[in-house]
Each structure stands twice: as structure tokens, then as C-alpha cells.
Protein backbone atom coordinates (compact mmCIF):
# COMPACT_ATOMS: atom_id res chain seq x y z
CA MET A 1 0.00 0.00 0.00
CA ILE A 2 1.21 3.53 -0.74
CA TYR A 3 0.91 5.86 2.26
CA GLN A 4 1.05 9.64 2.00
CA GLY A 5 2.74 11.52 4.82
CA SER A 6 3.78 15.02 5.82
CA CYS A 7 5.07 17.28 8.55
CA HIS A 8 2.58 19.47 10.46
CA CYS A 9 2.77 22.53 8.18
CA GLY A 10 2.80 20.48 4.97
CA ALA A 11 6.11 21.82 3.68
CA ILE A 12 7.48 18.26 3.67
CA ARG A 13 5.45 15.62 1.84
CA PHE A 14 6.45 12.04 1.21
CA GLU A 15 5.10 8.63 0.38
CA VAL A 16 6.06 5.16 1.53
CA ASP A 17 5.25 1.71 0.25
CA ALA A 18 4.39 -0.42 3.28
CA PRO A 19 2.03 -3.27 4.20
CA ASP A 20 -1.65 -2.67 4.99
CA VAL A 21 -0.92 -3.67 8.57
CA ILE A 22 1.96 -1.59 9.94
CA GLU A 23 4.50 -3.21 12.26
CA ALA A 24 5.84 -0.27 14.29
CA ASP A 25 8.31 0.07 17.13
CA TYR A 26 7.94 2.29 20.18
CA CYS A 27 11.42 3.20 21.44
CA ASN A 28 12.17 4.41 24.96
CA CYS A 29 15.48 6.16 24.16
CA SER A 30 15.82 9.82 25.11
CA ILE A 31 15.18 11.37 21.67
CA CYS A 32 12.34 9.05 20.61
CA LYS A 33 10.55 9.31 23.93
CA LYS A 34 10.73 13.12 23.94
CA SER A 35 9.70 13.48 20.29
CA GLY A 36 6.90 10.87 20.28
CA PHE A 37 8.40 9.05 17.29
CA LEU A 38 6.67 5.79 16.31
CA HIS A 39 9.07 3.84 14.08
CA LEU A 40 8.36 2.27 10.71
CA ILE A 41 11.77 1.20 9.39
CA LEU A 42 11.87 0.43 5.67
CA PRO A 43 14.33 -0.03 2.82
CA LEU A 44 15.15 3.36 1.30
CA SER A 45 13.65 2.15 -2.00
CA LYS A 46 10.20 2.16 -0.31
CA PHE A 47 10.41 5.91 0.43
CA LYS A 48 9.93 8.89 -1.87
CA LEU A 49 10.29 12.53 -0.84
CA LEU A 50 7.68 14.43 -2.85
CA THR A 51 8.29 18.01 -1.66
CA GLY A 52 10.26 19.85 0.97
CA SER A 53 13.93 18.98 0.59
CA ASP A 54 14.66 22.69 1.11
CA ALA A 55 12.59 22.67 4.33
CA LEU A 56 14.64 19.90 5.97
CA THR A 57 17.30 20.41 8.57
CA THR A 58 19.39 17.70 10.24
CA TYR A 59 20.41 17.00 13.82
CA THR A 60 23.04 14.43 14.81
CA PHE A 61 24.55 13.47 18.14
CA ASN A 62 26.72 10.81 19.76
CA THR A 63 28.08 8.64 16.89
CA GLY A 64 26.64 10.92 14.17
CA ILE A 65 25.34 7.92 12.22
CA ALA A 66 21.66 8.65 12.81
CA ARG A 67 20.58 11.68 10.79
CA HIS A 68 17.49 13.15 12.44
CA THR A 69 15.66 15.29 9.87
CA PHE A 70 13.20 17.99 10.92
CA CYS A 71 11.04 20.54 9.17
CA LYS A 72 12.62 24.01 9.55
CA LYS A 73 9.16 25.58 9.65
CA CYS A 74 7.12 23.47 12.09
CA GLY A 75 9.82 21.37 13.82
CA ILE A 76 8.20 18.00 13.16
CA LYS A 77 10.44 14.98 12.47
CA PRO A 78 8.51 12.94 9.87
CA PHE A 79 11.39 10.58 9.00
CA TYR A 80 15.12 10.08 9.54
CA THR A 81 18.07 7.82 8.82
CA PRO A 82 18.37 5.50 11.83
CA ARG A 83 21.62 4.36 13.40
CA SER A 84 20.31 0.78 13.43
CA ASN A 85 19.56 0.89 9.69
CA PRO A 86 21.75 3.53 8.02
CA ASP A 87 20.93 2.00 4.62
CA GLY A 88 17.19 2.56 5.17
CA ILE A 89 14.65 5.10 6.30
CA ASP A 90 12.63 5.36 9.50
CA VAL A 91 9.22 6.98 9.07
CA ASN A 92 7.18 8.37 11.94
CA VAL A 93 3.86 6.51 11.76
CA ASN A 94 2.30 9.53 13.49
CA CYS A 95 3.11 11.57 10.35
CA LEU A 96 1.24 9.31 7.92
CA ASP A 97 -1.75 11.11 6.43
CA THR A 98 -3.13 7.87 4.99
CA GLU A 99 -4.62 5.80 7.82
CA PRO A 100 -3.19 2.28 8.06
CA LYS A 101 -5.65 -0.59 8.30
CA SER A 102 -4.08 -1.29 11.68
CA VAL A 103 -0.82 -0.71 13.55
CA ASN A 104 0.86 -3.36 15.69
CA ILE A 105 3.29 -1.74 18.13
CA THR A 106 6.29 -3.53 19.61
CA GLU A 107 8.26 -2.10 22.52
CA PHE A 108 11.94 -1.51 21.73
CA ASP A 109 14.47 -0.89 24.52
CA GLY A 110 16.43 1.96 22.97
CA LYS A 111 17.81 3.00 26.37
CA ASN A 112 19.98 -0.10 25.99
CA TRP A 113 20.45 0.31 22.24
CA GLU A 114 23.75 -1.56 21.91
CA ILE A 115 22.21 -4.71 23.38
CA HIS A 116 19.01 -4.58 21.29
CA ALA A 117 19.94 -2.97 17.93
CA HIS A 118 20.19 -6.36 16.22
CA LYS A 119 16.43 -6.83 16.73
CA VAL A 120 15.63 -4.13 14.15
CA ALA A 121 18.67 -4.34 11.84
CA HIS A 122 16.82 -6.53 9.31
CA LYS A 123 13.99 -4.03 8.71
CA SER A 124 15.78 -1.96 6.04
CA LYS A 125 16.66 -5.01 3.91
CA GLU A 126 14.83 -5.66 0.67
CA THR A 127 12.57 -8.70 0.76
């Protein structure tokens, strides 16, 4: 299914190809918890930025591998390049404008990322 998504102000618009039933991860790490990010990790080939490349800004910390992208206008983080899957994309399910049929949420212990990262590493691989 093709899902449409955007930031709050609509400057950034994108689409993703994902299953009807979304398998999402709720992470308890400091940045995800504070930003309310609900993870849908996909291969980069399943993502298309439609508008807003000029409205994006990037934040990195710690290892600098994760590239957290935000809208310069409204501050929403609709997607980013995750440290666990630097070859993929991580879309915020909360930023999908198309309603999924259903969303199954799995808890992910991002506070202890080094121990648990392998549990999500497969999600950016083509199937």
C-alpha cells in the first residue's frame, strides 16, 4: 500500500510503500521518547520525498550515524536515517496522512540500544 505523509505545516510531503498492517516500534530512548516518534523502518527504496527537501534540517549526536531530519518551519520529524539501519529510512507513523488498516506496536528498549539494535537491523533489507 502507498501511504502519504507530511510534517505538520505540509512543507514536507512524502510517500512510503508499506504493508496494509503496519509493524511499528515504540522506542524508549531519550530522543524518541521526547519526540513521540513511532518507528516504521523500511528499505530506502520504499520511500519517496515528494516536496520539501529545502525545508529539511538535520540533527546528529553521539556517533553521528543517525541523521534526524526535521522541518525548519514546524519542527516536526517525519522521517530520519536510523543508526540501526543507516541504509534505510525510518518513518514516523504519526506523520502518515493515509490511515493504516491497523498498527501493531512492539516495545523496543532503545535505552539499551547496543544490546538490542540487532532486533531491528533486518527491517531496512529488501525482501
